Amino acid sequence: MASEELNATLLAWPAGEGSPEHVNTERDVLVVVLAGSATVRVDDETHELGVEDATIIGRGRRRSITAGPDGARYLSVHRRREPLQIRPASPVAPA
């Protein structure tokens, strides 16, 4: 779902699966666990989240989320981003 200002995504992962490590340089992200559990790794810190637990992951931090033994369903919310734009490559100057 999205509004003019927010993006909200409901994600579901089976046990041991999840989002790979990455860095979001643009937005802080709120994560709220709705079912199951998840391990949220932010830089070198690990946070165990259960149902109704929430955390905010700051922009620019290395993060990954892994579903617990019963899987995980969680809501991820952040300020809306502009859609990706594909731009033509710059012309190559003659040698």
PDB file of N, CA and C in Angstrom:
ATOM      1  N   MET A   1       0.839  -1.176   0.000  1.00  0.00           N
ATOM      2  CA  MET A   1       0.000   0.000   0.000  1.00  0.00           C
ATOM      3  C   MET A   1       0.883   1.237   0.000  1.00  0.00           C
ATOM      4  N   ALA A   2       0.338   2.292  -0.524  1.00  0.00           N
ATOM      5  CA  ALA A   2       1.089   3.537  -0.531  1.00  0.00           C
ATOM      6  C   ALA A   2       0.126   4.720  -0.502  1.00  0.00           C
ATOM      7  N   SER A   3       0.588   5.779   0.123  1.00  0.00           N
ATOM      8  CA  SER A   3      -0.118   7.056   0.062  1.00  0.00           C
ATOM      9  C   SER A   3       0.869   8.047  -0.540  1.00  0.00           C
ATOM     10  N   GLU A   4       0.527   9.310  -0.517  1.00  0.00           N
ATOM     11  CA  GLU A   4       1.459  10.305  -1.035  1.00  0.00           C
ATOM     12  C   GLU A   4       2.734  10.353  -0.205  1.00  0.00           C
ATOM     13  N   GLU A   5       2.653   9.968   1.081  1.00  0.00           N
ATOM     14  CA  GLU A   5       3.801  10.104   1.968  1.00  0.00           C
ATOM     15  C   GLU A   5       4.385   8.791   2.478  1.00  0.00           C
ATOM     16  N   LEU A   6       3.615   7.686   2.469  1.00  0.00           N
ATOM     17  CA  LEU A   6       4.079   6.444   3.083  1.00  0.00           C
ATOM     18  C   LEU A   6       3.986   5.251   2.142  1.00  0.00           C
ATOM     19  N   ASN A   7       4.902   4.301   2.332  1.00  0.00           N
ATOM     20  CA  ASN A   7       4.822   2.967   1.738  1.00  0.00           C
ATOM     21  C   ASN A   7       4.686   1.988   2.890  1.00  0.00           C
ATOM     22  N   ALA A   8       3.789   1.029   2.772  1.00  0.00           N
ATOM     23  CA  ALA A   8       3.629  -0.023   3.764  1.00  0.00           C
ATOM     24  C   ALA A   8       3.564  -1.349   3.020  1.00  0.00           C
ATOM     25  N   THR A   9       4.394  -2.304   3.449  1.00  0.00           N
ATOM     26  CA  THR A   9       4.463  -3.597   2.787  1.00  0.00           C
ATOM     27  C   THR A   9       4.318  -4.694   3.824  1.00  0.00           C
ATOM     28  N   LEU A  10       3.423  -5.655   3.571  1.00  0.00           N
ATOM     29  CA  LEU A  10       3.269  -6.826   4.423  1.00  0.00           C
ATOM     30  C   LEU A  10       4.106  -7.940   3.811  1.00  0.00           C
ATOM     31  N   LEU A  11       5.056  -8.456   4.579  1.00  0.00           N
ATOM     32  CA  LEU A  11       5.940  -9.515   4.090  1.00  0.00           C
ATOM     33  C   LEU A  11       5.712 -10.779   4.899  1.00  0.00           C
ATOM     34  N   ALA A  12       5.838 -11.929   4.251  1.00  0.00           N
ATOM     35  CA  ALA A  12       5.709 -13.226   4.925  1.00  0.00           C
ATOM     36  C   ALA A  12       6.866 -14.107   4.455  1.00  0.00           C
ATOM     37  N   TRP A  13       7.574 -14.702   5.400  1.00  0.00           N
ATOM     38  CA  TRP A  13       8.714 -15.561   5.103  1.00  0.00           C
ATOM     39  C   TRP A  13       8.584 -16.870   5.855  1.00  0.00           C
ATOM     40  N   PRO A  14       8.916 -17.992   5.231  1.00  0.00           N
ATOM     41  CA  PRO A  14       8.966 -19.262   5.956  1.00  0.00           C
ATOM     42  C   PRO A  14      10.190 -19.284   6.876  1.00  0.00           C
ATOM     43  N   ALA A  15      10.220 -20.227   7.782  1.00  0.00           N
ATOM     44  CA  ALA A  15      11.313 -20.354   8.749  1.00  0.00           C
ATOM     45  C   ALA A  15      12.675 -20.299   8.071  1.00  0.00           C
ATOM     46  N   GLY A  16      13.567 -19.478   8.614  1.00  0.00           N
ATOM     47  CA  GLY A  16      14.928 -19.383   8.124  1.00  0.00           C
ATOM     48  C   GLY A  16      15.131 -18.521   6.894  1.00  0.00           C
ATOM     49  N   GLU A  17      14.058 -18.033   6.298  1.00  0.00           N
ATOM     50  CA  GLU A  17      14.162 -17.183   5.103  1.00  0.00           C
ATOM     51  C   GLU A  17      13.981 -15.726   5.513  1.00  0.00           C
ATOM     52  N   GLY A  18      14.247 -14.815   4.585  1.00  0.00           N
ATOM     53  CA  GLY A  18      14.042 -13.405   4.890  1.00  0.00           C
ATOM     54  C   GLY A  18      14.741 -12.505   3.915  1.00  0.00           C
ATOM     55  N   SER A  19      14.834 -11.245   4.290  1.00  0.00           N
ATOM     56  CA  SER A  19      15.477 -10.271   3.410  1.00  0.00           C
ATOM     57  C   SER A  19      16.992 -10.340   3.615  1.00  0.00           C
ATOM     58  N   PRO A  20      17.744 -10.386   2.523  1.00  0.00           N
ATOM     59  CA  PRO A  20      19.202 -10.470   2.643  1.00  0.00           C
ATOM     60  C   PRO A  20      19.773  -9.156   3.178  1.00  0.00           C
ATOM     61  N   GLU A  21      21.006  -9.220   3.630  1.00  0.00           N
ATOM     62  CA  GLU A  21      21.665  -8.026   4.139  1.00  0.00           C
ATOM     63  C   GLU A  21      21.739  -6.968   3.044  1.00  0.00           C
ATOM     64  N   HIS A  22      21.406  -5.738   3.418  1.00  0.00           N
ATOM     65  CA  HIS A  22      21.465  -4.618   2.495  1.00  0.00           C
ATOM     66  C   HIS A  22      21.537  -3.325   3.289  1.00  0.00           C
ATOM     67  N   VAL A  23      21.776  -2.225   2.606  1.00  0.00           N
ATOM     68  CA  VAL A  23      21.800  -0.906   3.225  1.00  0.00           C
ATOM     69  C   VAL A  23      20.805  -0.023   2.491  1.00  0.00           C
ATOM     70  N   ASN A  24      19.913   0.598   3.236  1.00  0.00           N
ATOM     71  CA  ASN A  24      18.976   1.566   2.676  1.00  0.00           C
ATOM     72  C   ASN A  24      19.514   2.940   3.065  1.00  0.00           C
ATOM     73  N   THR A  25      20.041   3.665   2.104  1.00  0.00           N
ATOM     74  CA  THR A  25      20.653   4.958   2.403  1.00  0.00           C
ATOM     75  C   THR A  25      19.662   6.111   2.420  1.00  0.00           C
ATOM     76  N   GLU A  26      18.392   5.824   2.089  1.00  0.00           N
ATOM     77  CA  GLU A  26      17.429   6.917   1.912  1.00  0.00           C
ATOM     78  C   GLU A  26      16.409   7.088   3.030  1.00  0.00           C
ATOM     79  N   ARG A  27      16.007   6.012   3.692  1.00  0.00           N
ATOM     80  CA  ARG A  27      14.860   6.094   4.596  1.00  0.00           C
ATOM     81  C   ARG A  27      15.072   5.284   5.875  1.00  0.00           C
ATOM     82  N   ASP A  28      14.522   5.776   6.993  1.00  0.00           N
ATOM     83  CA  ASP A  28      14.347   4.956   8.184  1.00  0.00           C
ATOM     84  C   ASP A  28      13.182   4.024   7.897  1.00  0.00           C
ATOM     85  N   VAL A  29      13.188   2.830   8.514  1.00  0.00           N
ATOM     86  CA  VAL A  29      12.132   1.851   8.276  1.00  0.00           C
ATOM     87  C   VAL A  29      11.604   1.348   9.617  1.00  0.00           C
ATOM     88  N   LEU A  30      10.283   1.350   9.768  1.00  0.00           N
ATOM     89  CA  LEU A  30       9.615   0.755  10.922  1.00  0.00           C
ATOM     90  C   LEU A  30       9.241  -0.672  10.566  1.00  0.00           C
ATOM     91  N   VAL A  31       9.596  -1.637  11.437  1.00  0.00           N
ATOM     92  CA  VAL A  31       9.243  -3.044  11.240  1.00  0.00           C
ATOM     93  C   VAL A  31       8.404  -3.472  12.434  1.00  0.00           C
ATOM     94  N   VAL A  32       7.212  -4.051  12.169  1.00  0.00           N
ATOM     95  CA  VAL A  32       6.316  -4.543  13.221  1.00  0.00           C
ATOM     96  C   VAL A  32       5.992  -6.003  12.913  1.00  0.00           C
ATOM     97  N   VAL A  33       6.323  -6.909  13.836  1.00  0.00           N
ATOM     98  CA  VAL A  33       6.041  -8.334  13.641  1.00  0.00           C
ATOM     99  C   VAL A  33       4.575  -8.596  13.980  1.00  0.00           C
ATOM    100  N   LEU A  34       3.854  -9.225  13.045  1.00  0.00           N
ATOM    101  CA  LEU A  34       2.428  -9.513  13.224  1.00  0.00           C
ATOM    102  C   LEU A  34       2.172 -10.975  13.572  1.00  0.00           C
ATOM    103  N   ALA A  35       3.062 -11.881  13.123  1.00  0.00           N
ATOM    104  CA  ALA A  35       2.912 -13.312  13.424  1.00  0.00           C
ATOM    105  C   ALA A  35       4.293 -13.950  13.375  1.00  0.00           C
ATOM    106  N   GLY A  36       4.480 -14.976  14.187  1.00  0.00           N
ATOM    107  CA  GLY A  36       5.764 -15.657  14.233  1.00  0.00           C
ATOM    108  C   GLY A  36       6.805 -14.826  14.951  1.00  0.00           C
ATOM    109  N   SER A  37       8.041 -14.917  14.481  1.00  0.00           N
ATOM    110  CA  SER A  37       9.144 -14.157  15.078  1.00  0.00           C
ATOM    111  C   SER A  37      10.191 -13.901  14.012  1.00  0.00           C
ATOM    112  N   ALA A  38      11.094 -12.974  14.316  1.00  0.00           N
ATOM    113  CA  ALA A  38      12.135 -12.639  13.361  1.00  0.00           C
ATOM    114  C   ALA A  38      13.386 -12.175  14.096  1.00  0.00           C
ATOM    115  N   THR A  39      14.511 -12.462  13.491  1.00  0.00           N
ATOM    116  CA  THR A  39      15.785 -11.925  13.960  1.00  0.00           C
ATOM    117  C   THR A  39      16.137 -10.775  13.040  1.00  0.00           C
ATOM    118  N   VAL A  40      16.282  -9.596  13.626  1.00  0.00           N
ATOM    119  CA  VAL A  40      16.641  -8.405  12.868  1.00  0.00           C
ATOM    120  C   VAL A  40      18.085  -8.076  13.220  1.00  0.00           C
ATOM    121  N   ARG A  41      18.929  -8.087  12.215  1.00  0.00           N
ATOM    122  CA  ARG A  41      20.337  -7.752  12.425  1.00  0.00           C
ATOM    123  C   ARG A  41      20.581  -6.375  11.832  1.00  0.00           C
ATOM    124  N   VAL A  42      21.075  -5.455  12.662  1.00  0.00           N
ATOM    125  CA  VAL A  42      21.369  -4.089  12.246  1.00  0.00           C
ATOM    126  C   VAL A  42      22.834  -3.836  12.588  1.00  0.00           C
ATOM    127  N   ASP A  43      23.643  -3.638  11.550  1.00  0.00           N
ATOM    128  CA  ASP A  43      25.086  -3.548  11.713  1.00  0.00           C
ATOM    129  C   ASP A  43      25.543  -4.784  12.483  1.00  0.00           C
ATOM    130  N   ASP A  44      26.127  -4.629  13.660  1.00  0.00           N
ATOM    131  CA  ASP A  44      26.606  -5.788  14.418  1.00  0.00           C
ATOM    132  C   ASP A  44      25.707  -6.146  15.596  1.00  0.00           C
ATOM    133  N   GLU A  45      24.489  -5.608  15.623  1.00  0.00           N
ATOM    134  CA  GLU A  45      23.539  -5.882  16.710  1.00  0.00           C
ATOM    135  C   GLU A  45      22.431  -6.800  16.219  1.00  0.00           C
ATOM    136  N   THR A  46      22.034  -7.747  17.076  1.00  0.00           N
ATOM    137  CA  THR A  46      20.947  -8.665  16.752  1.00  0.00           C
ATOM    138  C   THR A  46      19.777  -8.401  17.697  1.00  0.00           C
ATOM    139  N   HIS A  47      18.571  -8.322  17.122  1.00  0.00           N
ATOM    140  CA  HIS A  47      17.353  -8.080  17.901  1.00  0.00           C
ATOM    141  C   HIS A  47      16.362  -9.196  17.582  1.00  0.00           C
ATOM    142  N   GLU A  48      15.866  -9.864  18.610  1.00  0.00           N
ATOM    143  CA  GLU A  48      14.845 -10.898  18.448  1.00  0.00           C
ATOM    144  C   GLU A  48      13.486 -10.246  18.630  1.00  0.00           C
ATOM    145  N   LEU A  49      12.634 -10.334  17.621  1.00  0.00           N
ATOM    146  CA  LEU A  49      11.311  -9.723  17.689  1.00  0.00           C
ATOM    147  C   LEU A  49      10.233 -10.788  17.619  1.00  0.00           C
ATOM    148  N   GLY A  50       9.232 -10.673  18.494  1.00  0.00           N
ATOM    149  CA  GLY A  50       8.076 -11.551  18.477  1.00  0.00           C
ATOM    150  C   GLY A  50       6.839 -10.770  18.094  1.00  0.00           C
ATOM    151  N   VAL A  51       5.698 -11.419  18.188  1.00  0.00           N
ATOM    152  CA  VAL A  51       4.423 -10.792  17.829  1.00  0.00           C
ATOM    153  C   VAL A  51       4.237  -9.487  18.600  1.00  0.00           C
ATOM    154  N   GLU A  52       3.883  -8.452  17.879  1.00  0.00           N
ATOM    155  CA  GLU A  52       3.630  -7.101  18.363  1.00  0.00           C
ATOM    156  C   GLU A  52       4.886  -6.340  18.754  1.00  0.00           C
ATOM    157  N   ASP A  53       6.068  -6.918  18.534  1.00  0.00           N
ATOM    158  CA  ASP A  53       7.304  -6.178  18.759  1.00  0.00           C
ATOM    159  C   ASP A  53       7.584  -5.323  17.525  1.00  0.00           C
ATOM    160  N   ALA A  54       8.233  -4.192  17.765  1.00  0.00           N
ATOM    161  CA  ALA A  54       8.554  -3.270  16.677  1.00  0.00           C
ATOM    162  C   ALA A  54       9.950  -2.709  16.871  1.00  0.00           C
ATOM    163  N   THR A  55      10.541  -2.294  15.774  1.00  0.00           N
ATOM    164  CA  THR A  55      11.828  -1.605  15.826  1.00  0.00           C
ATOM    165  C   THR A  55      11.898  -0.636  14.661  1.00  0.00           C
ATOM    166  N   ILE A  56      12.693   0.394  14.834  1.00  0.00           N
ATOM    167  CA  ILE A  56      12.965   1.327  13.744  1.00  0.00           C
ATOM    168  C   ILE A  56      14.421   1.127  13.341  1.00  0.00           C
ATOM    169  N   ILE A  57      14.637   0.891  12.054  1.00  0.00           N
ATOM    170  CA  ILE A  57      15.979   0.706  11.517  1.00  0.00           C
ATOM    171  C   ILE A  57      16.365   1.994  10.804  1.00  0.00           C
ATOM    172  N   GLY A  58      17.409   2.629  11.289  1.00  0.00           N
ATOM    173  CA  GLY A  58      17.836   3.905  10.739  1.00  0.00           C
ATOM    174  C   GLY A  58      18.456   3.783   9.357  1.00  0.00           C
ATOM    175  N   ARG A  59      18.285   4.803   8.568  1.00  0.00           N
ATOM    176  CA  ARG A  59      18.867   4.812   7.224  1.00  0.00           C
ATOM    177  C   ARG A  59      20.388   4.731   7.324  1.00  0.00           C
ATOM    178  N   GLY A  60      20.964   4.132   6.301  1.00  0.00           N
ATOM    179  CA  GLY A  60      22.405   4.020   6.246  1.00  0.00           C
ATOM    180  C   GLY A  60      22.986   2.873   7.056  1.00  0.00           C
ATOM    181  N   ARG A  61      22.134   2.103   7.717  1.00  0.00           N
ATOM    182  CA  ARG A  61      22.610   0.988   8.529  1.00  0.00           C
ATOM    183  C   ARG A  61      22.464  -0.311   7.762  1.00  0.00           C
ATOM    184  N   ARG A  62      23.407  -1.203   7.938  1.00  0.00           N
ATOM    185  CA  ARG A  62      23.374  -2.532   7.318  1.00  0.00           C
ATOM    186  C   ARG A  62      22.322  -3.361   8.045  1.00  0.00           C
ATOM    187  N   ARG A  63      21.442  -4.032   7.302  1.00  0.00           N
ATOM    188  CA  ARG A  63      20.335  -4.747   7.939  1.00  0.00           C
ATOM    189  C   ARG A  63      19.988  -6.031   7.214  1.00  0.00           C
ATOM    190  N   SER A  64      19.439  -6.972   7.963  1.00  0.00           N
ATOM    191  CA  SER A  64      18.832  -8.177   7.392  1.00  0.00           C
ATOM    192  C   SER A  64      17.755  -8.630   8.365  1.00  0.00           C
ATOM    193  N   ILE A  65      16.775  -9.362   7.830  1.00  0.00           N
ATOM    194  CA  ILE A  65      15.688  -9.899   8.661  1.00  0.00           C
ATOM    195  C   ILE A  65      15.525 -11.367   8.293  1.00  0.00           C
ATOM    196  N   THR A  66      15.541 -12.238   9.326  1.00  0.00           N
ATOM    197  CA  THR A  66      15.405 -13.679   9.115  1.00  0.00           C
ATOM    198  C   THR A  66      14.237 -14.189   9.952  1.00  0.00           C
ATOM    199  N   ALA A  67      13.332 -14.934   9.319  1.00  0.00           N
ATOM    200  CA  ALA A  67      12.160 -15.480  10.016  1.00  0.00           C
ATOM    201  C   ALA A  67      12.582 -16.538  11.028  1.00  0.00           C
ATOM    202  N   GLY A  68      11.869 -16.586  12.145  1.00  0.00           N
ATOM    203  CA  GLY A  68      12.110 -17.568  13.195  1.00  0.00           C
ATOM    204  C   GLY A  68      11.576 -18.942  12.812  1.00  0.00           C
ATOM    205  N   PRO A  69      11.570 -19.879  13.772  1.00  0.00           N
ATOM    206  CA  PRO A  69      11.214 -21.270  13.490  1.00  0.00           C
ATOM    207  C   PRO A  69       9.789 -21.482  12.976  1.00  0.00           C
ATOM    208  N   ASP A  70       8.879 -20.562  13.277  1.00  0.00           N
ATOM    209  CA  ASP A  70       7.501 -20.668  12.794  1.00  0.00           C
ATOM    210  C   ASP A  70       7.224 -19.700  11.649  1.00  0.00           C
ATOM    211  N   GLY A  71       8.274 -19.161  11.049  1.00  0.00           N
ATOM    212  CA  GLY A  71       8.103 -18.172  10.000  1.00  0.00           C
ATOM    213  C   GLY A  71       7.835 -16.798  10.592  1.00  0.00           C
ATOM    214  N   ALA A  72       7.596 -15.837   9.735  1.00  0.00           N
ATOM    215  CA  ALA A  72       7.319 -14.470  10.189  1.00  0.00           C
ATOM    216  C   ALA A  72       6.433 -13.755   9.181  1.00  0.00           C
ATOM    217  N   ARG A  73       5.533 -12.946   9.711  1.00  0.00           N
ATOM    218  CA  ARG A  73       4.771 -11.975   8.918  1.00  0.00           C
ATOM    219  C   ARG A  73       5.021 -10.648   9.598  1.00  0.00           C
ATOM    220  N   TYR A  74       5.492  -9.690   8.820  1.00  0.00           N
ATOM    221  CA  TYR A  74       5.757  -8.384   9.417  1.00  0.00           C
ATOM    222  C   TYR A  74       5.405  -7.274   8.446  1.00  0.00           C
ATOM    223  N   LEU A  75       5.149  -6.126   9.036  1.00  0.00           N
ATOM    224  CA  LEU A  75       4.811  -4.930   8.285  1.00  0.00           C
ATOM    225  C   LEU A  75       6.041  -4.037   8.260  1.00  0.00           C
ATOM    226  N   SER A  76       6.396  -3.567   7.080  1.00  0.00           N
ATOM    227  CA  SER A  76       7.516  -2.644   6.892  1.00  0.00           C
ATOM    228  C   SER A  76       6.940  -1.322   6.392  1.00  0.00           C
ATOM    229  N   VAL A  77       7.261  -0.231   7.101  1.00  0.00           N
ATOM    230  CA  VAL A  77       6.683   1.072   6.759  1.00  0.00           C
ATOM    231  C   VAL A  77       7.802   2.108   6.679  1.00  0.00           C
ATOM    232  N   HIS A  78       7.777   2.917   5.621  1.00  0.00           N
ATOM    233  CA  HIS A  78       8.751   3.995   5.482  1.00  0.00           C
ATOM    234  C   HIS A  78       8.162   5.104   4.628  1.00  0.00           C
ATOM    235  N   ARG A  79       8.823   6.266   4.674  1.00  0.00           N
ATOM    236  CA  ARG A  79       8.404   7.367   3.805  1.00  0.00           C
ATOM    237  C   ARG A  79       8.484   6.912   2.362  1.00  0.00           C
ATOM    238  N   ARG A  80       7.551   7.351   1.590  1.00  0.00           N
ATOM    239  CA  ARG A  80       7.472   6.963   0.181  1.00  0.00           C
ATOM    240  C   ARG A  80       8.686   7.464  -0.587  1.00  0.00           C
ATOM    241  N   ARG A  81       9.151   6.633  -1.487  1.00  0.00           N
ATOM    242  CA  ARG A  81      10.242   6.993  -2.394  1.00  0.00           C
ATOM    243  C   ARG A  81       9.659   7.353  -3.743  1.00  0.00           C
ATOM    244  N   GLU A  82      10.423   8.111  -4.491  1.00  0.00           N
ATOM    245  CA  GLU A  82      10.046   8.372  -5.872  1.00  0.00           C
ATOM    246  C   GLU A  82      10.185   7.065  -6.644  1.00  0.00           C
ATOM    247  N   PRO A  83       9.356   6.834  -7.657  1.00  0.00           N
ATOM    248  CA  PRO A  83       9.507   5.617  -8.447  1.00  0.00           C
ATOM    249  C   PRO A  83      10.863   5.596  -9.148  1.00  0.00           C
ATOM    250  N   LEU A  84      11.351   4.395  -9.402  1.00  0.00           N
ATOM    251  CA  LEU A  84      12.605   4.260 -10.130  1.00  0.00           C
ATOM    252  C   LEU A  84      12.451   4.832 -11.527  1.00  0.00           C
ATOM    253  N   GLN A  85      13.447   5.519 -11.975  1.00  0.00           N
ATOM    254  CA  GLN A  85      13.425   6.133 -13.302  1.00  0.00           C
ATOM    255  C   GLN A  85      14.552   5.524 -14.134  1.00  0.00           C
ATOM    256  N   ILE A  86      14.240   5.130 -15.353  1.00  0.00           N
ATOM    257  CA  ILE A  86      15.255   4.644 -16.278  1.00  0.00           C
ATOM    258  C   ILE A  86      15.597   5.794 -17.195  1.00  0.00           C
ATOM    259  N   ARG A  87      16.885   6.146 -17.192  1.00  0.00           N
ATOM    260  CA  ARG A  87      17.326   7.271 -18.010  1.00  0.00           C
ATOM    261  C   ARG A  87      18.274   6.772 -19.078  1.00  0.00           C
ATOM    262  N   PRO A  88      18.256   7.400 -20.239  1.00  0.00           N
ATOM    263  CA  PRO A  88      19.203   6.992 -21.270  1.00  0.00           C
ATOM    264  C   PRO A  88      20.638   7.266 -20.813  1.00  0.00           C
ATOM    265  N   ALA A  89      21.549   6.435 -21.282  1.00  0.00           N
ATOM    266  CA  ALA A  89      22.958   6.630 -20.949  1.00  0.00           C
ATOM    267  C   ALA A  89      23.463   7.907 -21.616  1.00  0.00           C
ATOM    268  N   SER A  90      24.445   8.543 -20.992  1.00  0.00           N
ATOM    269  CA  SER A  90      25.068   9.722 -21.587  1.00  0.00           C
ATOM    270  C   SER A  90      25.817   9.319 -22.849  1.00  0.00           C
ATOM    271  N   PRO A  91      25.774  10.151 -23.864  1.00  0.00           N
ATOM    272  CA  PRO A  91      26.515   9.811 -25.085  1.00  0.00           C
ATOM    273  C   PRO A  91      28.013   9.734 -24.781  1.00  0.00           C
ATOM    274  N   VAL A  92      28.671   8.835 -25.480  1.00  0.00           N
ATOM    275  CA  VAL A  92      30.118   8.659 -25.308  1.00  0.00           C
ATOM    276  C   VAL A  92      30.823   9.652 -26.224  1.00  0.00           C
ATOM    277  N   ALA A  93      31.760  10.415 -25.650  1.00  0.00           N
ATOM    278  CA  ALA A  93      32.499  11.395 -26.451  1.00  0.00           C
ATOM    279  C   ALA A  93      33.477  10.671 -27.375  1.00  0.00           C
ATOM    280  N   PRO A  94      33.638  11.143 -28.605  1.00  0.00           N
ATOM    281  CA  PRO A  94      34.580  10.501 -29.513  1.00  0.00           C
ATOM    282  C   PRO A  94      36.008  10.619 -28.981  1.00  0.00           C
ATOM    283  N   ALA A  95      36.796   9.588 -29.255  1.00  0.00           N
ATOM    284  CA  ALA A  95      38.185   9.571 -28.781  1.00  0.00           C
ATOM    285  C   ALA A  95      39.085  10.382 -29.657  1.00  0.00           C
TER     286      ALA A  95
END
